[in-house]
């Protein structure tokens, strides 16, 4: 249960996290955040991510925080998502909050 007595939603975004599916994933995330106060994002080990994935998740994090909602990854970033984060410099000089979100450091 989340803070408002609702079930925490485990939202699976599937294998294709890239640009072609970005609008579909955006819609899923917004719908989930509007109806739940706590969302856990899941994706399979063989997911395919690109920089649009990071942008989408970061936007959802900002939206969630402005609405007093919680958003987290089911597990630390791995595979292609981790590769995008590393290549894009998203894990360089991160805040503790960002490090905890992406890599589950500090949990």
PDB file of N, CA and C in Angstrom:
ATOM      1  N   UNK A   1       0.836  -1.188   0.000  1.00  0.00           N
ATOM      2  CA  UNK A   1       0.000   0.000   0.000  1.00  0.00           C
ATOM      3  C   UNK A   1       0.874   1.243   0.000  1.00  0.00           C
ATOM      4  N   UNK A   2       0.412   2.275  -0.683  1.00  0.00           N
ATOM      5  CA  UNK A   2       1.140   3.534  -0.664  1.00  0.00           C
ATOM      6  C   UNK A   2       0.566   4.430   0.432  1.00  0.00           C
ATOM      7  N   UNK A   3       1.042   5.661   0.483  1.00  0.00           N
ATOM      8  CA  UNK A   3       0.657   6.565   1.556  1.00  0.00           C
ATOM      9  C   UNK A   3      -0.824   6.924   1.560  1.00  0.00           C
ATOM     10  N   UNK A   4      -1.490   6.822   0.417  1.00  0.00           N
ATOM     11  CA  UNK A   4      -2.907   7.176   0.333  1.00  0.00           C
ATOM     12  C   UNK A   4      -3.820   5.958   0.405  1.00  0.00           C
ATOM     13  N   UNK A   5      -3.272   4.815   0.849  1.00  0.00           N
ATOM     14  CA  UNK A   5      -4.067   3.612   0.953  1.00  0.00           C
ATOM     15  C   UNK A   5      -4.262   2.894  -0.367  1.00  0.00           C
ATOM     16  N   UNK A   6      -3.602   3.361  -1.421  1.00  0.00           N
ATOM     17  CA  UNK A   6      -3.701   2.714  -2.727  1.00  0.00           C
ATOM     18  C   UNK A   6      -2.565   1.701  -2.853  1.00  0.00           C
ATOM     19  N   UNK A   7      -2.790   0.717  -3.683  1.00  0.00           N
ATOM     20  CA  UNK A   7      -1.725  -0.214  -3.994  1.00  0.00           C
ATOM     21  C   UNK A   7      -0.645   0.514  -4.780  1.00  0.00           C
ATOM     22  N   UNK A   8       0.600   0.173  -4.469  1.00  0.00           N
ATOM     23  CA  UNK A   8       1.692   0.678  -5.290  1.00  0.00           C
ATOM     24  C   UNK A   8       1.592  -0.023  -6.633  1.00  0.00           C
ATOM     25  N   UNK A   9       1.630   0.730  -7.699  1.00  0.00           N
ATOM     26  CA  UNK A   9       1.511   0.160  -9.035  1.00  0.00           C
ATOM     27  C   UNK A   9       2.881  -0.240  -9.551  1.00  0.00           C
ATOM     28  N   UNK A  10       3.002  -1.481  -9.977  1.00  0.00           N
ATOM     29  CA  UNK A  10       4.214  -1.957 -10.644  1.00  0.00           C
ATOM     30  C   UNK A  10       3.919  -1.859 -12.137  1.00  0.00           C
ATOM     31  N   UNK A  11       4.593  -0.939 -12.798  1.00  0.00           N
ATOM     32  CA  UNK A  11       4.319  -0.631 -14.199  1.00  0.00           C
ATOM     33  C   UNK A  11       5.426  -1.192 -15.081  1.00  0.00           C
ATOM     34  N   UNK A  12       5.073  -2.137 -15.931  1.00  0.00           N
ATOM     35  CA  UNK A  12       6.040  -2.723 -16.858  1.00  0.00           C
ATOM     36  C   UNK A  12       6.003  -1.948 -18.170  1.00  0.00           C
ATOM     37  N   UNK A  13       7.163  -1.480 -18.578  1.00  0.00           N
ATOM     38  CA  UNK A  13       7.242  -0.727 -19.831  1.00  0.00           C
ATOM     39  C   UNK A  13       7.686  -1.594 -21.005  1.00  0.00           C
ATOM     40  N   UNK A  14       7.997  -2.849 -20.784  1.00  0.00           N
ATOM     41  CA  UNK A  14       8.335  -3.756 -21.870  1.00  0.00           C
ATOM     42  C   UNK A  14       9.782  -3.658 -22.305  1.00  0.00           C
ATOM     43  N   UNK A  15      10.091  -4.393 -23.366  1.00  0.00           N
ATOM     44  CA  UNK A  15      11.465  -4.483 -23.862  1.00  0.00           C
ATOM     45  C   UNK A  15      11.898  -3.260 -24.644  1.00  0.00           C
ATOM     46  N   UNK A  16      11.028  -2.728 -25.474  1.00  0.00           N
ATOM     47  CA  UNK A  16      11.387  -1.599 -26.335  1.00  0.00           C
ATOM     48  C   UNK A  16      11.110  -0.294 -25.596  1.00  0.00           C
ATOM     49  N   UNK A  17      12.166   0.306 -25.085  1.00  0.00           N
ATOM     50  CA  UNK A  17      12.043   1.559 -24.347  1.00  0.00           C
ATOM     51  C   UNK A  17      12.474   2.748 -25.195  1.00  0.00           C
ATOM     52  N   UNK A  18      12.725   2.524 -26.466  1.00  0.00           N
ATOM     53  CA  UNK A  18      13.271   3.555 -27.333  1.00  0.00           C
ATOM     54  C   UNK A  18      12.265   4.569 -27.836  1.00  0.00           C
ATOM     55  N   UNK A  19      12.749   5.427 -28.696  1.00  0.00           N
ATOM     56  CA  UNK A  19      11.988   6.555 -29.217  1.00  0.00           C
ATOM     57  C   UNK A  19      10.673   6.145 -29.869  1.00  0.00           C
ATOM     58  N   UNK A  20      10.648   5.028 -30.589  1.00  0.00           N
ATOM     59  CA  UNK A  20       9.418   4.611 -31.275  1.00  0.00           C
ATOM     60  C   UNK A  20       8.262   4.360 -30.324  1.00  0.00           C
ATOM     61  N   UNK A  21       8.570   3.975 -29.101  1.00  0.00           N
ATOM     62  CA  UNK A  21       7.530   3.677 -28.117  1.00  0.00           C
ATOM     63  C   UNK A  21       7.403   4.777 -27.067  1.00  0.00           C
ATOM     64  N   UNK A  22       8.126   5.874 -27.215  1.00  0.00           N
ATOM     65  CA  UNK A  22       8.162   6.925 -26.189  1.00  0.00           C
ATOM     66  C   UNK A  22       6.775   7.494 -25.885  1.00  0.00           C
ATOM     67  N   UNK A  23       5.981   7.776 -26.905  1.00  0.00           N
ATOM     68  CA  UNK A  23       4.659   8.365 -26.632  1.00  0.00           C
ATOM     69  C   UNK A  23       3.751   7.365 -25.921  1.00  0.00           C
ATOM     70  N   UNK A  24       3.854   6.098 -26.265  1.00  0.00           N
ATOM     71  CA  UNK A  24       3.070   5.059 -25.595  1.00  0.00           C
ATOM     72  C   UNK A  24       3.475   4.954 -24.118  1.00  0.00           C
ATOM     73  N   UNK A  25       4.785   4.965 -23.855  1.00  0.00           N
ATOM     74  CA  UNK A  25       5.273   4.882 -22.479  1.00  0.00           C
ATOM     75  C   UNK A  25       4.936   6.154 -21.697  1.00  0.00           C
ATOM     76  N   UNK A  26       4.989   7.285 -22.365  1.00  0.00           N
ATOM     77  CA  UNK A  26       4.626   8.549 -21.719  1.00  0.00           C
ATOM     78  C   UNK A  26       3.173   8.484 -21.240  1.00  0.00           C
ATOM     79  N   UNK A  27       2.303   8.026 -22.094  1.00  0.00           N
ATOM     80  CA  UNK A  27       0.886   7.920 -21.747  1.00  0.00           C
ATOM     81  C   UNK A  27       0.683   6.976 -20.561  1.00  0.00           C
ATOM     82  N   UNK A  28       1.360   5.831 -20.581  1.00  0.00           N
ATOM     83  CA  UNK A  28       1.259   4.876 -19.470  1.00  0.00           C
ATOM     84  C   UNK A  28       1.720   5.511 -18.158  1.00  0.00           C
ATOM     85  N   UNK A  29       2.846   6.218 -18.212  1.00  0.00           N
ATOM     86  CA  UNK A  29       3.391   6.834 -17.000  1.00  0.00           C
ATOM     87  C   UNK A  29       2.464   7.920 -16.452  1.00  0.00           C
ATOM     88  N   UNK A  30       1.964   8.771 -17.325  1.00  0.00           N
ATOM     89  CA  UNK A  30       1.073   9.850 -16.875  1.00  0.00           C
ATOM     90  C   UNK A  30      -0.205   9.269 -16.285  1.00  0.00           C
ATOM     91  N   UNK A  31      -0.801   8.289 -16.967  1.00  0.00           N
ATOM     92  CA  UNK A  31      -2.011   7.654 -16.443  1.00  0.00           C
ATOM     93  C   UNK A  31      -1.750   7.037 -15.072  1.00  0.00           C
ATOM     94  N   UNK A  32      -0.624   6.362 -14.941  1.00  0.00           N
ATOM     95  CA  UNK A  32      -0.274   5.715 -13.671  1.00  0.00           C
ATOM     96  C   UNK A  32      -0.072   6.750 -12.572  1.00  0.00           C
ATOM     97  N   UNK A  33       0.632   7.822 -12.881  1.00  0.00           N
ATOM     98  CA  UNK A  33       0.895   8.851 -11.877  1.00  0.00           C
ATOM     99  C   UNK A  33      -0.359   9.616 -11.486  1.00  0.00           C
ATOM    100  N   UNK A  34      -1.310   9.714 -12.379  1.00  0.00           N
ATOM    101  CA  UNK A  34      -2.552  10.401 -12.048  1.00  0.00           C
ATOM    102  C   UNK A  34      -3.456   9.551 -11.159  1.00  0.00           C
ATOM    103  N   UNK A  35      -3.308   8.236 -11.212  1.00  0.00           N
ATOM    104  CA  UNK A  35      -4.207   7.379 -10.447  1.00  0.00           C
ATOM    105  C   UNK A  35      -3.548   6.670  -9.260  1.00  0.00           C
ATOM    106  N   UNK A  36      -2.234   6.798  -9.112  1.00  0.00           N
ATOM    107  CA  UNK A  36      -1.525   6.166  -7.997  1.00  0.00           C
ATOM    108  C   UNK A  36      -0.514   7.156  -7.418  1.00  0.00           C
ATOM    109  N   UNK A  37      -0.253   7.023  -6.149  1.00  0.00           N
ATOM    110  CA  UNK A  37       0.738   7.916  -5.540  1.00  0.00           C
ATOM    111  C   UNK A  37       2.117   7.282  -5.462  1.00  0.00           C
ATOM    112  N   UNK A  38       2.210   6.006  -5.836  1.00  0.00           N
ATOM    113  CA  UNK A  38       3.493   5.321  -5.817  1.00  0.00           C
ATOM    114  C   UNK A  38       3.578   4.367  -7.007  1.00  0.00           C
ATOM    115  N   UNK A  39       4.626   4.551  -7.825  1.00  0.00           N
ATOM    116  CA  UNK A  39       4.810   3.744  -9.035  1.00  0.00           C
ATOM    117  C   UNK A  39       6.205   3.131  -8.997  1.00  0.00           C
ATOM    118  N   UNK A  40       6.280   1.860  -9.324  1.00  0.00           N
ATOM    119  CA  UNK A  40       7.564   1.186  -9.497  1.00  0.00           C
ATOM    120  C   UNK A  40       7.651   0.780 -10.954  1.00  0.00           C
ATOM    121  N   UNK A  41       8.673   1.282 -11.645  1.00  0.00           N
ATOM    122  CA  UNK A  41       8.858   1.000 -13.074  1.00  0.00           C
ATOM    123  C   UNK A  41       9.685  -0.270 -13.226  1.00  0.00           C
ATOM    124  N   UNK A  42       9.153  -1.205 -14.010  1.00  0.00           N
ATOM    125  CA  UNK A  42       9.840  -2.462 -14.297  1.00  0.00           C
ATOM    126  C   UNK A  42      10.112  -2.575 -15.791  1.00  0.00           C
ATOM    127  N   UNK A  43      11.228  -3.198 -16.118  1.00  0.00           N
ATOM    128  CA  UNK A  43      11.492  -3.571 -17.499  1.00  0.00           C
ATOM    129  C   UNK A  43      12.383  -4.801 -17.502  1.00  0.00           C
ATOM    130  N   UNK A  44      12.235  -5.654 -18.523  1.00  0.00           N
ATOM    131  CA  UNK A  44      12.978  -6.913 -18.546  1.00  0.00           C
ATOM    132  C   UNK A  44      14.479  -6.692 -18.771  1.00  0.00           C
ATOM    133  N   UNK A  45      15.251  -7.708 -18.439  1.00  0.00           N
ATOM    134  CA  UNK A  45      16.708  -7.617 -18.595  1.00  0.00           C
ATOM    135  C   UNK A  45      17.125  -7.359 -20.038  1.00  0.00           C
ATOM    136  N   UNK A  46      16.350  -7.810 -20.997  1.00  0.00           N
ATOM    137  CA  UNK A  46      16.716  -7.652 -22.412  1.00  0.00           C
ATOM    138  C   UNK A  46      16.105  -6.392 -23.051  1.00  0.00           C
ATOM    139  N   UNK A  47      15.810  -5.379 -22.229  1.00  0.00           N
ATOM    140  CA  UNK A  47      15.224  -4.140 -22.741  1.00  0.00           C
ATOM    141  C   UNK A  47      16.202  -3.411 -23.675  1.00  0.00           C
ATOM    142  N   UNK A  48      15.637  -2.572 -24.523  1.00  0.00           N
ATOM    143  CA  UNK A  48      16.415  -1.728 -25.424  1.00  0.00           C
ATOM    144  C   UNK A  48      16.069  -0.277 -25.133  1.00  0.00           C
ATOM    145  N   UNK A  49      17.024   0.461 -24.599  1.00  0.00           N
ATOM    146  CA  UNK A  49      16.806   1.856 -24.220  1.00  0.00           C
ATOM    147  C   UNK A  49      17.679   2.776 -25.059  1.00  0.00           C
ATOM    148  N   UNK A  50      17.271   4.039 -25.134  1.00  0.00           N
ATOM    149  CA  UNK A  50      18.087   5.075 -25.749  1.00  0.00           C
ATOM    150  C   UNK A  50      17.926   6.343 -24.913  1.00  0.00           C
ATOM    151  N   UNK A  51      18.478   7.429 -25.371  1.00  0.00           N
ATOM    152  CA  UNK A  51      18.443   8.655 -24.569  1.00  0.00           C
ATOM    153  C   UNK A  51      17.016   9.148 -24.336  1.00  0.00           C
ATOM    154  N   UNK A  52      16.090   8.810 -25.234  1.00  0.00           N
ATOM    155  CA  UNK A  52      14.698   9.216 -25.015  1.00  0.00           C
ATOM    156  C   UNK A  52      14.122   8.523 -23.787  1.00  0.00           C
ATOM    157  N   UNK A  53      14.622   7.341 -23.460  1.00  0.00           N
ATOM    158  CA  UNK A  53      14.183   6.618 -22.271  1.00  0.00           C
ATOM    159  C   UNK A  53      14.546   7.405 -21.017  1.00  0.00           C
ATOM    160  N   UNK A  54      15.784   7.882 -20.970  1.00  0.00           N
ATOM    161  CA  UNK A  54      16.245   8.671 -19.824  1.00  0.00           C
ATOM    162  C   UNK A  54      15.421   9.949 -19.718  1.00  0.00           C
ATOM    163  N   UNK A  55      15.196  10.603 -20.843  1.00  0.00           N
ATOM    164  CA  UNK A  55      14.407  11.837 -20.848  1.00  0.00           C
ATOM    165  C   UNK A  55      12.989  11.575 -20.336  1.00  0.00           C
ATOM    166  N   UNK A  56      12.375  10.509 -20.785  1.00  0.00           N
ATOM    167  CA  UNK A  56      11.019  10.165 -20.363  1.00  0.00           C
ATOM    168  C   UNK A  56      10.961   9.891 -18.861  1.00  0.00           C
ATOM    169  N   UNK A  57      11.890   9.103 -18.363  1.00  0.00           N
ATOM    170  CA  UNK A  57      11.884   8.758 -16.943  1.00  0.00           C
ATOM    171  C   UNK A  57      12.207   9.983 -16.091  1.00  0.00           C
ATOM    172  N   UNK A  58      13.150  10.801 -16.530  1.00  0.00           N
ATOM    173  CA  UNK A  58      13.467  12.027 -15.783  1.00  0.00           C
ATOM    174  C   UNK A  58      12.265  12.968 -15.751  1.00  0.00           C
ATOM    175  N   UNK A  59      11.562  13.088 -16.856  1.00  0.00           N
ATOM    176  CA  UNK A  59      10.360  13.933 -16.890  1.00  0.00           C
ATOM    177  C   UNK A  59       9.297  13.393 -15.938  1.00  0.00           C
ATOM    178  N   UNK A  60       9.139  12.080 -15.915  1.00  0.00           N
ATOM    179  CA  UNK A  60       8.175  11.468 -15.004  1.00  0.00           C
ATOM    180  C   UNK A  60       8.585  11.693 -13.553  1.00  0.00           C
ATOM    181  N   UNK A  61       9.886  11.648 -13.269  1.00  0.00           N
ATOM    182  CA  UNK A  61      10.373  11.921 -11.903  1.00  0.00           C
ATOM    183  C   UNK A  61      10.032  13.348 -11.481  1.00  0.00           C
ATOM    184  N   UNK A  62      10.239  14.291 -12.370  1.00  0.00           N
ATOM    185  CA  UNK A  62       9.932  15.695 -12.059  1.00  0.00           C
ATOM    186  C   UNK A  62       8.433  15.863 -11.834  1.00  0.00           C
ATOM    187  N   UNK A  63       7.633  15.306 -12.728  1.00  0.00           N
ATOM    188  CA  UNK A  63       6.175  15.380 -12.590  1.00  0.00           C
ATOM    189  C   UNK A  63       5.736  14.768 -11.261  1.00  0.00           C
ATOM    190  N   UNK A  64       6.265  13.594 -10.940  1.00  0.00           N
ATOM    191  CA  UNK A  64       5.898  12.911  -9.699  1.00  0.00           C
ATOM    192  C   UNK A  64       6.257  13.751  -8.484  1.00  0.00           C
ATOM    193  N   UNK A  65       7.448  14.318  -8.483  1.00  0.00           N
ATOM    194  CA  UNK A  65       7.872  15.092  -7.307  1.00  0.00           C
ATOM    195  C   UNK A  65       7.045  16.363  -7.132  1.00  0.00           C
ATOM    196  N   UNK A  66       6.614  16.979  -8.226  1.00  0.00           N
ATOM    197  CA  UNK A  66       5.797  18.188  -8.110  1.00  0.00           C
ATOM    198  C   UNK A  66       4.383  17.873  -7.637  1.00  0.00           C
ATOM    199  N   UNK A  67       3.972  16.610  -7.779  1.00  0.00           N
ATOM    200  CA  UNK A  67       2.630  16.188  -7.366  1.00  0.00           C
ATOM    201  C   UNK A  67       2.646  15.413  -6.051  1.00  0.00           C
ATOM    202  N   UNK A  68       3.812  15.332  -5.414  1.00  0.00           N
ATOM    203  CA  UNK A  68       3.911  14.606  -4.161  1.00  0.00           C
ATOM    204  C   UNK A  68       3.786  13.104  -4.312  1.00  0.00           C
ATOM    205  N   UNK A  69       4.190  12.587  -5.460  1.00  0.00           N
ATOM    206  CA  UNK A  69       4.093  11.157  -5.731  1.00  0.00           C
ATOM    207  C   UNK A  69       5.490  10.534  -5.720  1.00  0.00           C
ATOM    208  N   UNK A  70       5.529   9.216  -5.615  1.00  0.00           N
ATOM    209  CA  UNK A  70       6.801   8.498  -5.590  1.00  0.00           C
ATOM    210  C   UNK A  70       6.955   7.675  -6.856  1.00  0.00           C
ATOM    211  N   UNK A  71       8.156   7.723  -7.409  1.00  0.00           N
ATOM    212  CA  UNK A  71       8.488   6.965  -8.612  1.00  0.00           C
ATOM    213  C   UNK A  71       9.844   6.335  -8.380  1.00  0.00           C
ATOM    214  N   UNK A  72       9.958   5.049  -8.650  1.00  0.00           N
ATOM    215  CA  UNK A  72      11.252   4.401  -8.511  1.00  0.00           C
ATOM    216  C   UNK A  72      11.380   3.279  -9.525  1.00  0.00           C
ATOM    217  N   UNK A  73      12.601   2.850  -9.737  1.00  0.00           N
ATOM    218  CA  UNK A  73      12.871   1.702 -10.593  1.00  0.00           C
ATOM    219  C   UNK A  73      12.816   0.445  -9.741  1.00  0.00           C
ATOM    220  N   UNK A  74      12.301  -0.638 -10.297  1.00  0.00           N
ATOM    221  CA  UNK A  74      12.202  -1.893  -9.566  1.00  0.00           C
ATOM    222  C   UNK A  74      13.582  -2.432  -9.203  1.00  0.00           C
ATOM    223  N   UNK A  75      14.558  -2.159 -10.060  1.00  0.00           N
ATOM    224  CA  UNK A  75      15.931  -2.611  -9.814  1.00  0.00           C
ATOM    225  C   UNK A  75      16.876  -1.562 -10.381  1.00  0.00           C
ATOM    226  N   UNK A  76      18.122  -1.607  -9.966  1.00  0.00           N
ATOM    227  CA  UNK A  76      19.074  -0.612 -10.492  1.00  0.00           C
ATOM    228  C   UNK A  76      19.166  -0.676 -12.021  1.00  0.00           C
ATOM    229  N   UNK A  77      19.485   0.455 -12.618  1.00  0.00           N
ATOM    230  CA  UNK A  77      19.654   0.503 -14.074  1.00  0.00           C
ATOM    231  C   UNK A  77      20.702  -0.527 -14.486  1.00  0.00           C
ATOM    232  N   UNK A  78      20.405  -1.215 -15.566  1.00  0.00           N
ATOM    233  CA  UNK A  78      21.313  -2.237 -16.082  1.00  0.00           C
ATOM    234  C   UNK A  78      21.161  -2.290 -17.598  1.00  0.00           C
ATOM    235  N   UNK A  79      21.950  -3.123 -18.224  1.00  0.00           N
ATOM    236  CA  UNK A  79      21.845  -3.341 -19.661  1.00  0.00           C
ATOM    237  C   UNK A  79      21.969  -2.063 -20.469  1.00  0.00           C
ATOM    238  N   UNK A  80      21.099  -1.932 -21.475  1.00  0.00           N
ATOM    239  CA  UNK A  80      21.204  -0.774 -22.363  1.00  0.00           C
ATOM    240  C   UNK A  80      20.873   0.537 -21.661  1.00  0.00           C
ATOM    241  N   UNK A  81      20.010   0.511 -20.648  1.00  0.00           N
ATOM    242  CA  UNK A  81      19.720   1.735 -19.908  1.00  0.00           C
ATOM    243  C   UNK A  81      20.957   2.214 -19.166  1.00  0.00           C
ATOM    244  N   UNK A  82      21.654   1.319 -18.512  1.00  0.00           N
ATOM    245  CA  UNK A  82      22.890   1.681 -17.821  1.00  0.00           C
ATOM    246  C   UNK A  82      23.913   2.218 -18.809  1.00  0.00           C
ATOM    247  N   UNK A  83      23.998   1.601 -19.964  1.00  0.00           N
ATOM    248  CA  UNK A  83      24.935   2.053 -20.995  1.00  0.00           C
ATOM    249  C   UNK A  83      24.619   3.479 -21.443  1.00  0.00           C
ATOM    250  N   UNK A  84      23.350   3.780 -21.662  1.00  0.00           N
ATOM    251  CA  UNK A  84      22.935   5.132 -22.062  1.00  0.00           C
ATOM    252  C   UNK A  84      23.270   6.130 -20.954  1.00  0.00           C
ATOM    253  N   UNK A  85      22.986   5.771 -19.712  1.00  0.00           N
ATOM    254  CA  UNK A  85      23.295   6.658 -18.590  1.00  0.00           C
ATOM    255  C   UNK A  85      24.793   6.944 -18.498  1.00  0.00           C
ATOM    256  N   UNK A  86      25.603   5.919 -18.684  1.00  0.00           N
ATOM    257  CA  UNK A  86      27.059   6.090 -18.610  1.00  0.00           C
ATOM    258  C   UNK A  86      27.577   6.919 -19.784  1.00  0.00           C
ATOM    259  N   UNK A  87      27.174   6.582 -20.992  1.00  0.00           N
ATOM    260  CA  UNK A  87      27.649   7.314 -22.179  1.00  0.00           C
ATOM    261  C   UNK A  87      27.193   8.758 -22.177  1.00  0.00           C
ATOM    262  N   UNK A  88      25.993   9.014 -21.660  1.00  0.00           N
ATOM    263  CA  UNK A  88      25.449  10.370 -21.638  1.00  0.00           C
ATOM    264  C   UNK A  88      25.937  11.209 -20.476  1.00  0.00           C
ATOM    265  N   UNK A  89      26.724  10.621 -19.579  1.00  0.00           N
ATOM    266  CA  UNK A  89      27.248  11.359 -18.444  1.00  0.00           C
ATOM    267  C   UNK A  89      26.232  11.582 -17.336  1.00  0.00           C
ATOM    268  N   UNK A  90      25.137  10.856 -17.371  1.00  0.00           N
ATOM    269  CA  UNK A  90      24.085  11.038 -16.379  1.00  0.00           C
ATOM    270  C   UNK A  90      24.473  10.512 -15.002  1.00  0.00           C
ATOM    271  N   UNK A  91      25.508   9.695 -14.930  1.00  0.00           N
ATOM    272  CA  UNK A  91      25.937   9.134 -13.647  1.00  0.00           C
ATOM    273  C   UNK A  91      27.198   9.816 -13.116  1.00  0.00           C
ATOM    274  N   UNK A  92      27.626  10.869 -13.800  1.00  0.00           N
ATOM    275  CA  UNK A  92      28.802  11.618 -13.375  1.00  0.00           C
ATOM    276  C   UNK A  92      28.373  12.745 -12.452  1.00  0.00           C
ATOM    277  N   UNK A  93      29.004  12.830 -11.302  1.00  0.00           N
ATOM    278  CA  UNK A  93      28.708  13.892 -10.327  1.00  0.00           C
ATOM    279  C   UNK A  93      27.217  13.983 -10.014  1.00  0.00           C
ATOM    280  N   UNK A  94      26.604  12.856  -9.752  1.00  0.00           N
ATOM    281  CA  UNK A  94      25.171  12.840  -9.460  1.00  0.00           C
ATOM    282  C   UNK A  94      24.896  13.243  -8.021  1.00  0.00           C
ATOM    283  N   UNK A  95      23.702  13.688  -7.805  1.00  0.00           N
ATOM    284  CA  UNK A  95      23.246  13.958  -6.444  1.00  0.00           C
ATOM    285  C   UNK A  95      22.963  12.613  -5.776  1.00  0.00           C
ATOM    286  N   UNK A  96      22.950  12.575  -4.454  1.00  0.00           N
ATOM    287  CA  UNK A  96      22.579  11.321  -3.784  1.00  0.00           C
ATOM    288  C   UNK A  96      21.190  10.828  -4.209  1.00  0.00           C
ATOM    289  N   UNK A  97      20.275  11.755  -4.424  1.00  0.00           N
ATOM    290  CA  UNK A  97      18.925  11.382  -4.850  1.00  0.00           C
ATOM    291  C   UNK A  97      18.948  10.717  -6.233  1.00  0.00           C
ATOM    292  N   UNK A  98      19.711  11.293  -7.175  1.00  0.00           N
ATOM    293  CA  UNK A  98      19.806  10.702  -8.516  1.00  0.00           C
ATOM    294  C   UNK A  98      20.496   9.341  -8.471  1.00  0.00           C
ATOM    295  N   UNK A  99      21.553   9.254  -7.686  1.00  0.00           N
ATOM    296  CA  UNK A  99      22.284   7.998  -7.551  1.00  0.00           C
ATOM    297  C   UNK A  99      21.392   6.917  -6.955  1.00  0.00           C
ATOM    298  N   UNK A 100      20.607   7.290  -5.975  1.00  0.00           N
ATOM    299  CA  UNK A 100      19.691   6.347  -5.364  1.00  0.00           C
ATOM    300  C   UNK A 100      18.619   5.912  -6.361  1.00  0.00           C
ATOM    301  N   UNK A 101      18.098   6.850  -7.138  1.00  0.00           N
ATOM    302  CA  UNK A 101      17.052   6.509  -8.101  1.00  0.00           C
ATOM    303  C   UNK A 101      17.572   5.540  -9.160  1.00  0.00           C
ATOM    304  N   UNK A 102      18.646   5.892  -9.847  1.00  0.00           N
ATOM    305  CA  UNK A 102      19.133   5.097 -10.963  1.00  0.00           C
ATOM    306  C   UNK A 102      19.860   3.825 -10.547  1.00  0.00           C
ATOM    307  N   UNK A 103      20.663   3.924  -9.478  1.00  0.00           N
ATOM    308  CA  UNK A 103      21.532   2.798  -9.116  1.00  0.00           C
ATOM    309  C   UNK A 103      21.170   2.149  -7.787  1.00  0.00           C
ATOM    310  N   UNK A 104      20.159   2.674  -7.114  1.00  0.00           N
ATOM    311  CA  UNK A 104      19.724   2.180  -5.804  1.00  0.00           C
ATOM    312  C   UNK A 104      20.850   2.267  -4.779  1.00  0.00           C
ATOM    313  N   UNK A 105      21.744   3.222  -4.952  1.00  0.00           N
ATOM    314  CA  UNK A 105      22.796   3.470  -3.968  1.00  0.00           C
ATOM    315  C   UNK A 105      22.173   4.157  -2.771  1.00  0.00           C
ATOM    316  N   UNK A 106      22.520   3.734  -1.601  1.00  0.00           N
ATOM    317  CA  UNK A 106      22.011   4.367  -0.401  1.00  0.00           C
ATOM    318  C   UNK A 106      20.725   3.757   0.123  1.00  0.00           C
ATOM    319  N   UNK A 107      20.210   2.731  -0.539  1.00  0.00           N
ATOM    320  CA  UNK A 107      18.981   2.098  -0.036  1.00  0.00           C
ATOM    321  C   UNK A 107      19.316   1.089   1.026  1.00  0.00           C
TER     322      UNK A 107
END
